[in-house]
Amino acid sequence: MNQAFVCAQRAFSHDDVPIGAVIVHNNKIIARGENQVQQKKNPTLHAEIIAINRACKKLGTKFLDECDIYITLEPCAMCATAISFARIRNIYFAASDPKGGGITSNARIFETDRHLWHPKVHQMTEYASESADLLKAFFAIRRKK
């Protein structure tokens, strides 16, 4: 999770919402991603999507069923669905997202049987305040602009 926060800080540095993700395979980080929505002017370039693309390329596969993903914030519905499509084994996230979360908040996409792949979901609450503080700092600066 600490490396996901490094990615989140990188997103912060280029004026993107500070969310980071890392994908782990056999206890080794194989892909990293940070939000690049503002930087690349593309609303789909969330940290999770970037990390998934990089992991698939690294492993030469479309399924990541032997991988886990660590994310600084609860994934949105788009990213949660992409995680399902990639068949990632475990999702570990730091803070819940009451406004845009797709797993424990709002959409709750894994609470239906409609997805063929249901990853195990784990909230790492010991990192929740670190994530919330980073997001609050980012949006405080943005409001001043």
N, C-alpha and C. Protein backbone atom coordinates (compact mmCIF):
# COMPACT_ATOMS: atom_id res chain seq x y z
N MET A 1 0.83 -1.20 0.00
CA MET A 1 0.00 0.00 0.00
C MET A 1 0.87 1.26 0.00
N ASN A 2 2.02 1.16 0.65
CA ASN A 2 2.90 2.34 0.67
C ASN A 2 3.30 2.77 -0.74
N GLN A 3 3.54 1.82 -1.61
CA GLN A 3 3.91 2.15 -3.00
C GLN A 3 2.73 2.75 -3.76
N ALA A 4 1.51 2.36 -3.41
CA ALA A 4 0.33 2.99 -4.01
C ALA A 4 0.26 4.46 -3.62
N PHE A 5 0.67 4.78 -2.38
CA PHE A 5 0.70 6.18 -1.96
C PHE A 5 1.77 6.97 -2.69
N VAL A 6 2.88 6.33 -3.04
CA VAL A 6 3.90 7.00 -3.86
C VAL A 6 3.28 7.39 -5.21
N CYS A 7 2.51 6.49 -5.78
CA CYS A 7 1.83 6.78 -7.05
C CYS A 7 0.80 7.90 -6.88
N ALA A 8 0.09 7.89 -5.76
CA ALA A 8 -0.90 8.94 -5.50
C ALA A 8 -0.22 10.30 -5.40
N GLN A 9 0.93 10.35 -4.77
CA GLN A 9 1.68 11.61 -4.68
C GLN A 9 2.10 12.09 -6.06
N ARG A 10 2.45 11.16 -6.93
CA ARG A 10 2.83 11.52 -8.31
C ARG A 10 1.63 12.14 -9.03
N ALA A 11 0.45 11.57 -8.83
CA ALA A 11 -0.75 12.14 -9.44
C ALA A 11 -0.98 13.56 -8.91
N PHE A 12 -0.84 13.73 -7.61
CA PHE A 12 -0.99 15.05 -6.97
C PHE A 12 -0.05 16.05 -7.63
N SER A 13 1.18 15.65 -7.90
CA SER A 13 2.19 16.55 -8.45
C SER A 13 1.84 17.05 -9.85
N HIS A 14 1.04 16.31 -10.60
CA HIS A 14 0.63 16.80 -11.92
C HIS A 14 -0.85 17.16 -11.96
N ASP A 15 -1.37 17.56 -10.79
CA ASP A 15 -2.72 18.14 -10.65
C ASP A 15 -3.84 17.16 -10.97
N ASP A 16 -3.59 15.87 -10.74
CA ASP A 16 -4.66 14.87 -10.84
C ASP A 16 -5.07 14.47 -9.44
N VAL A 17 -6.30 14.01 -9.30
CA VAL A 17 -6.77 13.53 -8.01
C VAL A 17 -5.79 12.47 -7.52
N PRO A 18 -5.27 12.62 -6.30
CA PRO A 18 -4.20 11.74 -5.83
C PRO A 18 -4.66 10.34 -5.44
N ILE A 19 -4.75 9.50 -6.44
CA ILE A 19 -5.09 8.10 -6.24
C ILE A 19 -4.01 7.28 -6.94
N GLY A 20 -3.54 6.26 -6.23
CA GLY A 20 -2.52 5.40 -6.79
C GLY A 20 -2.91 3.95 -6.65
N ALA A 21 -2.35 3.11 -7.51
CA ALA A 21 -2.63 1.67 -7.49
C ALA A 21 -1.37 0.90 -7.86
N VAL A 22 -1.21 -0.25 -7.22
CA VAL A 22 -0.15 -1.17 -7.61
C VAL A 22 -0.74 -2.57 -7.71
N ILE A 23 -0.19 -3.34 -8.63
CA ILE A 23 -0.62 -4.74 -8.81
C ILE A 23 0.56 -5.63 -8.45
N VAL A 24 0.26 -6.64 -7.65
CA VAL A 24 1.26 -7.55 -7.12
C VAL A 24 1.02 -8.95 -7.66
N HIS A 25 2.09 -9.59 -8.11
CA HIS A 25 2.06 -10.97 -8.58
C HIS A 25 3.22 -11.70 -7.93
N ASN A 26 2.94 -12.82 -7.28
CA ASN A 26 3.98 -13.58 -6.57
C ASN A 26 4.79 -12.69 -5.61
N ASN A 27 4.06 -11.88 -4.85
CA ASN A 27 4.67 -10.99 -3.84
C ASN A 27 5.61 -9.94 -4.41
N LYS A 28 5.46 -9.62 -5.69
CA LYS A 28 6.30 -8.61 -6.33
C LYS A 28 5.42 -7.62 -7.09
N ILE A 29 5.70 -6.34 -6.95
CA ILE A 29 4.96 -5.33 -7.71
C ILE A 29 5.32 -5.47 -9.17
N ILE A 30 4.30 -5.67 -10.01
CA ILE A 30 4.55 -5.79 -11.45
C ILE A 30 4.02 -4.61 -12.24
N ALA A 31 3.15 -3.78 -11.60
CA ALA A 31 2.60 -2.63 -12.31
C ALA A 31 2.18 -1.57 -11.31
N ARG A 32 2.29 -0.33 -11.74
CA ARG A 32 1.90 0.82 -10.93
C ARG A 32 1.05 1.73 -11.80
N GLY A 33 0.21 2.50 -11.15
CA GLY A 33 -0.57 3.48 -11.88
C GLY A 33 -1.00 4.61 -10.97
N GLU A 34 -1.07 5.80 -11.55
CA GLU A 34 -1.63 6.94 -10.83
C GLU A 34 -2.61 7.63 -11.76
N ASN A 35 -3.57 8.33 -11.18
CA ASN A 35 -4.54 9.03 -12.01
C ASN A 35 -3.82 9.95 -12.99
N GLN A 36 -4.27 9.91 -14.24
CA GLN A 36 -3.71 10.77 -15.29
C GLN A 36 -4.82 11.45 -16.09
N VAL A 37 -5.98 11.58 -15.49
CA VAL A 37 -7.15 12.14 -16.16
C VAL A 37 -6.88 13.57 -16.64
N GLN A 38 -6.38 14.42 -15.75
CA GLN A 38 -6.12 15.82 -16.11
C GLN A 38 -4.89 15.93 -17.01
N GLN A 39 -3.87 15.19 -16.65
CA GLN A 39 -2.61 15.27 -17.38
C GLN A 39 -2.77 14.90 -18.85
N LYS A 40 -3.55 13.85 -19.12
CA LYS A 40 -3.69 13.36 -20.49
C LYS A 40 -5.07 13.65 -21.09
N LYS A 41 -5.88 14.39 -20.33
CA LYS A 41 -7.21 14.81 -20.82
C LYS A 41 -8.05 13.61 -21.28
N ASN A 42 -8.09 12.58 -20.41
CA ASN A 42 -8.82 11.36 -20.72
C ASN A 42 -9.51 10.87 -19.45
N PRO A 43 -10.85 10.88 -19.41
CA PRO A 43 -11.57 10.53 -18.19
C PRO A 43 -11.46 9.06 -17.78
N THR A 44 -10.90 8.21 -18.62
CA THR A 44 -10.77 6.79 -18.27
C THR A 44 -9.41 6.45 -17.66
N LEU A 45 -8.51 7.40 -17.59
CA LEU A 45 -7.16 7.09 -17.13
C LEU A 45 -7.05 7.17 -15.60
N HIS A 46 -7.82 6.32 -14.95
CA HIS A 46 -7.75 6.17 -13.50
C HIS A 46 -6.56 5.29 -13.16
N ALA A 47 -6.08 5.39 -11.94
CA ALA A 47 -4.91 4.65 -11.49
C ALA A 47 -5.06 3.15 -11.73
N GLU A 48 -6.25 2.62 -11.42
CA GLU A 48 -6.48 1.18 -11.55
C GLU A 48 -6.41 0.73 -13.00
N ILE A 49 -6.98 1.52 -13.90
CA ILE A 49 -6.99 1.17 -15.33
C ILE A 49 -5.56 1.15 -15.88
N ILE A 50 -4.78 2.15 -15.50
CA ILE A 50 -3.39 2.21 -15.96
C ILE A 50 -2.61 1.02 -15.43
N ALA A 51 -2.79 0.71 -14.14
CA ALA A 51 -2.07 -0.43 -13.55
C ALA A 51 -2.49 -1.74 -14.20
N ILE A 52 -3.77 -1.91 -14.47
CA ILE A 52 -4.25 -3.14 -15.13
C ILE A 52 -3.62 -3.27 -16.51
N ASN A 53 -3.63 -2.20 -17.28
CA ASN A 53 -3.03 -2.25 -18.62
C ASN A 53 -1.56 -2.62 -18.56
N ARG A 54 -0.85 -2.04 -17.62
CA ARG A 54 0.59 -2.33 -17.50
C ARG A 54 0.83 -3.77 -17.05
N ALA A 55 0.01 -4.26 -16.12
CA ALA A 55 0.17 -5.64 -15.63
C ALA A 55 -0.12 -6.65 -16.73
N CYS A 56 -1.18 -6.41 -17.50
CA CYS A 56 -1.50 -7.32 -18.60
C CYS A 56 -0.36 -7.36 -19.62
N LYS A 57 0.18 -6.19 -19.92
CA LYS A 57 1.30 -6.13 -20.87
C LYS A 57 2.52 -6.86 -20.31
N LYS A 58 2.81 -6.64 -19.03
CA LYS A 58 3.98 -7.28 -18.40
C LYS A 58 3.86 -8.80 -18.41
N LEU A 59 2.64 -9.31 -18.09
CA LEU A 59 2.45 -10.76 -18.01
C LEU A 59 2.04 -11.38 -19.35
N GLY A 60 1.70 -10.54 -20.33
CA GLY A 60 1.29 -11.05 -21.63
C GLY A 60 -0.04 -11.79 -21.59
N THR A 61 -0.97 -11.30 -20.77
CA THR A 61 -2.26 -11.96 -20.61
C THR A 61 -3.35 -10.93 -20.37
N LYS A 62 -4.60 -11.36 -20.57
CA LYS A 62 -5.71 -10.46 -20.26
C LYS A 62 -6.31 -10.76 -18.89
N PHE A 63 -5.94 -11.86 -18.28
CA PHE A 63 -6.44 -12.23 -16.96
C PHE A 63 -5.33 -12.13 -15.93
N LEU A 64 -5.66 -11.53 -14.81
CA LEU A 64 -4.70 -11.31 -13.73
C LEU A 64 -5.17 -12.05 -12.47
N ASP A 65 -5.62 -13.29 -12.66
CA ASP A 65 -6.24 -14.03 -11.56
C ASP A 65 -5.27 -14.49 -10.49
N GLU A 66 -3.99 -14.31 -10.70
CA GLU A 66 -3.00 -14.60 -9.67
C GLU A 66 -2.41 -13.32 -9.10
N CYS A 67 -3.15 -12.22 -9.29
CA CYS A 67 -2.66 -10.90 -8.87
C CYS A 67 -3.61 -10.27 -7.85
N ASP A 68 -3.04 -9.34 -7.09
CA ASP A 68 -3.79 -8.53 -6.14
C ASP A 68 -3.54 -7.07 -6.50
N ILE A 69 -4.53 -6.22 -6.20
CA ILE A 69 -4.37 -4.80 -6.46
C ILE A 69 -4.54 -4.03 -5.15
N TYR A 70 -3.67 -3.06 -4.95
CA TYR A 70 -3.69 -2.18 -3.78
C TYR A 70 -3.97 -0.77 -4.27
N ILE A 71 -4.99 -0.13 -3.69
CA ILE A 71 -5.45 1.17 -4.18
C ILE A 71 -5.66 2.09 -2.99
N THR A 72 -5.31 3.35 -3.16
CA THR A 72 -5.42 4.29 -2.05
C THR A 72 -6.85 4.72 -1.76
N LEU A 73 -7.77 4.50 -2.68
CA LEU A 73 -9.17 4.86 -2.49
C LEU A 73 -10.05 3.78 -3.10
N GLU A 74 -11.20 3.56 -2.51
CA GLU A 74 -12.17 2.60 -3.04
C GLU A 74 -12.39 2.84 -4.53
N PRO A 75 -12.29 1.82 -5.36
CA PRO A 75 -12.48 2.00 -6.80
C PRO A 75 -13.90 2.46 -7.15
N CYS A 76 -13.99 3.27 -8.20
CA CYS A 76 -15.29 3.66 -8.74
C CYS A 76 -15.89 2.45 -9.47
N ALA A 77 -17.13 2.59 -9.92
CA ALA A 77 -17.80 1.49 -10.61
C ALA A 77 -17.05 1.07 -11.88
N MET A 78 -16.50 2.03 -12.63
CA MET A 78 -15.75 1.70 -13.85
C MET A 78 -14.53 0.85 -13.51
N CYS A 79 -13.78 1.27 -12.52
CA CYS A 79 -12.56 0.55 -12.15
C CYS A 79 -12.87 -0.79 -11.50
N ALA A 80 -13.90 -0.85 -10.67
CA ALA A 80 -14.29 -2.12 -10.06
C ALA A 80 -14.69 -3.12 -11.13
N THR A 81 -15.39 -2.66 -12.15
CA THR A 81 -15.78 -3.54 -13.25
C THR A 81 -14.55 -4.00 -14.03
N ALA A 82 -13.62 -3.08 -14.28
CA ALA A 82 -12.38 -3.46 -14.98
C ALA A 82 -11.59 -4.49 -14.17
N ILE A 83 -11.56 -4.32 -12.86
CA ILE A 83 -10.89 -5.28 -11.98
C ILE A 83 -11.55 -6.64 -12.11
N SER A 84 -12.87 -6.65 -12.17
CA SER A 84 -13.61 -7.90 -12.35
C SER A 84 -13.29 -8.54 -13.70
N PHE A 85 -13.31 -7.73 -14.75
CA PHE A 85 -13.01 -8.26 -16.09
C PHE A 85 -11.59 -8.80 -16.18
N ALA A 86 -10.66 -8.20 -15.44
CA ALA A 86 -9.27 -8.67 -15.44
C ALA A 86 -9.09 -9.88 -14.52
N ARG A 87 -10.12 -10.20 -13.77
CA ARG A 87 -10.12 -11.35 -12.84
C ARG A 87 -9.05 -11.25 -11.76
N ILE A 88 -8.84 -10.03 -11.28
CA ILE A 88 -7.89 -9.84 -10.18
C ILE A 88 -8.43 -10.53 -8.95
N ARG A 89 -7.56 -11.21 -8.24
CA ARG A 89 -7.93 -12.07 -7.11
C ARG A 89 -8.40 -11.29 -5.89
N ASN A 90 -7.65 -10.28 -5.46
CA ASN A 90 -7.96 -9.50 -4.26
C ASN A 90 -7.85 -8.02 -4.53
N ILE A 91 -8.77 -7.27 -3.95
CA ILE A 91 -8.72 -5.81 -3.95
C ILE A 91 -8.44 -5.37 -2.52
N TYR A 92 -7.40 -4.58 -2.34
CA TYR A 92 -7.10 -3.97 -1.06
C TYR A 92 -7.18 -2.46 -1.27
N PHE A 93 -8.04 -1.78 -0.51
CA PHE A 93 -8.11 -0.33 -0.64
C PHE A 93 -8.04 0.33 0.71
N ALA A 94 -7.57 1.59 0.72
CA ALA A 94 -7.35 2.32 1.97
C ALA A 94 -8.65 2.97 2.47
N ALA A 95 -9.15 3.95 1.76
CA ALA A 95 -10.31 4.71 2.23
C ALA A 95 -11.54 4.42 1.40
N SER A 96 -12.68 4.47 2.05
CA SER A 96 -13.96 4.38 1.33
C SER A 96 -14.20 5.69 0.59
N ASP A 97 -15.01 5.61 -0.46
CA ASP A 97 -15.37 6.81 -1.22
C ASP A 97 -16.89 6.94 -1.23
N PRO A 98 -17.44 7.65 -0.26
CA PRO A 98 -18.91 7.75 -0.15
C PRO A 98 -19.58 8.34 -1.39
N LYS A 99 -18.86 9.20 -2.12
CA LYS A 99 -19.46 9.84 -3.29
C LYS A 99 -19.33 9.00 -4.56
N GLY A 100 -18.16 8.41 -4.80
CA GLY A 100 -17.94 7.75 -6.08
C GLY A 100 -17.55 6.28 -6.00
N GLY A 101 -17.55 5.72 -4.80
CA GLY A 101 -17.12 4.34 -4.65
C GLY A 101 -18.05 3.35 -5.33
N GLY A 102 -17.46 2.30 -5.86
CA GLY A 102 -18.25 1.31 -6.58
C GLY A 102 -18.33 -0.04 -5.91
N ILE A 103 -17.76 -0.16 -4.71
CA ILE A 103 -17.74 -1.47 -4.05
C ILE A 103 -18.53 -1.46 -2.74
N THR A 104 -18.14 -0.60 -1.81
CA THR A 104 -18.84 -0.54 -0.53
C THR A 104 -19.78 0.66 -0.46
N SER A 105 -19.66 1.56 -1.40
CA SER A 105 -20.49 2.76 -1.47
C SER A 105 -21.23 2.77 -2.81
N ASN A 106 -22.29 3.49 -2.88
CA ASN A 106 -23.04 3.70 -4.13
C ASN A 106 -23.33 2.43 -4.94
N ALA A 107 -22.59 2.22 -6.02
CA ALA A 107 -22.93 1.17 -6.98
C ALA A 107 -22.90 -0.24 -6.39
N ARG A 108 -21.96 -0.53 -5.52
CA ARG A 108 -21.83 -1.85 -4.89
C ARG A 108 -21.92 -2.97 -5.93
N ILE A 109 -21.08 -2.89 -6.93
CA ILE A 109 -21.23 -3.78 -8.08
C ILE A 109 -21.03 -5.25 -7.79
N PHE A 110 -20.31 -5.57 -6.74
CA PHE A 110 -20.07 -6.98 -6.45
C PHE A 110 -21.17 -7.61 -5.61
N GLU A 111 -22.20 -6.85 -5.28
CA GLU A 111 -23.30 -7.39 -4.50
C GLU A 111 -24.35 -8.08 -5.36
N THR A 112 -24.13 -8.12 -6.65
CA THR A 112 -25.04 -8.83 -7.55
C THR A 112 -24.33 -10.04 -8.12
N ASP A 113 -25.08 -10.90 -8.71
CA ASP A 113 -24.50 -12.09 -9.36
C ASP A 113 -24.19 -11.82 -10.83
N ARG A 114 -24.33 -10.60 -11.26
CA ARG A 114 -24.16 -10.28 -12.67
C ARG A 114 -22.71 -10.33 -13.14
N HIS A 115 -21.77 -10.16 -12.23
CA HIS A 115 -20.36 -10.23 -12.61
C HIS A 115 -19.91 -11.68 -12.53
N LEU A 116 -19.20 -12.10 -13.54
CA LEU A 116 -18.70 -13.47 -13.56
C LEU A 116 -17.57 -13.68 -12.57
N TRP A 117 -16.82 -12.64 -12.29
CA TRP A 117 -15.67 -12.74 -11.40
C TRP A 117 -15.87 -11.80 -10.22
N HIS A 118 -15.81 -12.34 -9.04
CA HIS A 118 -15.95 -11.55 -7.82
C HIS A 118 -14.65 -11.62 -7.02
N PRO A 119 -13.85 -10.57 -7.08
CA PRO A 119 -12.63 -10.58 -6.28
C PRO A 119 -12.97 -10.48 -4.79
N LYS A 120 -12.04 -10.91 -3.97
CA LYS A 120 -12.20 -10.70 -2.54
C LYS A 120 -11.83 -9.25 -2.26
N VAL A 121 -12.62 -8.60 -1.43
CA VAL A 121 -12.43 -7.18 -1.15
C VAL A 121 -12.00 -6.99 0.30
N HIS A 122 -10.94 -6.20 0.48
CA HIS A 122 -10.40 -5.94 1.81
C HIS A 122 -10.16 -4.44 1.96
N GLN A 123 -10.74 -3.85 2.99
CA GLN A 123 -10.39 -2.46 3.28
C GLN A 123 -9.29 -2.44 4.32
N MET A 124 -8.25 -1.71 4.02
CA MET A 124 -7.12 -1.57 4.95
C MET A 124 -7.30 -0.26 5.71
N THR A 125 -8.14 -0.31 6.72
CA THR A 125 -8.54 0.90 7.43
C THR A 125 -7.37 1.62 8.08
N GLU A 126 -6.28 0.92 8.33
CA GLU A 126 -5.12 1.58 8.94
C GLU A 126 -4.50 2.63 8.01
N TYR A 127 -4.86 2.61 6.73
CA TYR A 127 -4.38 3.60 5.77
C TYR A 127 -5.45 4.61 5.37
N ALA A 128 -6.64 4.48 5.89
CA ALA A 128 -7.76 5.32 5.48
C ALA A 128 -7.52 6.80 5.75
N SER A 129 -7.00 7.13 6.92
CA SER A 129 -6.80 8.55 7.23
C SER A 129 -5.70 9.16 6.37
N GLU A 130 -4.67 8.38 6.05
CA GLU A 130 -3.61 8.88 5.17
C GLU A 130 -4.18 9.23 3.79
N SER A 131 -5.04 8.37 3.28
CA SER A 131 -5.67 8.62 2.00
C SER A 131 -6.60 9.84 2.07
N ALA A 132 -7.41 9.89 3.11
CA ALA A 132 -8.35 11.01 3.27
C ALA A 132 -7.60 12.34 3.40
N ASP A 133 -6.51 12.34 4.16
CA ASP A 133 -5.73 13.57 4.34
C ASP A 133 -5.13 14.05 3.03
N LEU A 134 -4.64 13.13 2.23
CA LEU A 134 -4.06 13.48 0.94
C LEU A 134 -5.12 14.08 0.01
N LEU A 135 -6.29 13.45 -0.01
CA LEU A 135 -7.38 13.97 -0.84
C LEU A 135 -7.87 15.33 -0.36
N LYS A 136 -7.99 15.51 0.95
CA LYS A 136 -8.42 16.80 1.50
C LYS A 136 -7.43 17.90 1.14
N ALA A 137 -6.14 17.61 1.25
CA ALA A 137 -5.12 18.60 0.89
C ALA A 137 -5.22 18.97 -0.58
N PHE A 138 -5.41 17.98 -1.42
CA PHE A 138 -5.52 18.22 -2.86
C PHE A 138 -6.71 19.12 -3.18
N PHE A 139 -7.88 18.78 -2.64
CA PHE A 139 -9.07 19.56 -2.95
C PHE A 139 -9.07 20.93 -2.29
N ALA A 140 -8.38 21.11 -1.16
CA ALA A 140 -8.24 22.44 -0.56
C ALA A 140 -7.46 23.35 -1.49
N ILE A 141 -6.38 22.82 -2.07
CA ILE A 141 -5.59 23.61 -3.02
C ILE A 141 -6.42 23.93 -4.26
N ARG A 142 -7.15 22.96 -4.72
CA ARG A 142 -7.98 23.14 -5.93
C ARG A 142 -9.06 24.20 -5.72
N ARG A 143 -9.67 24.20 -4.53
CA ARG A 143 -10.70 25.21 -4.24
C ARG A 143 -10.12 26.61 -4.22
N LYS A 144 -8.87 26.75 -3.77
CA LYS A 144 -8.22 28.07 -3.73
C LYS A 144 -7.95 28.60 -5.13
N LYS A 145 -7.72 27.67 -6.07
CA LYS A 145 -7.47 28.07 -7.47
C LYS A 145 -8.77 28.55 -8.08
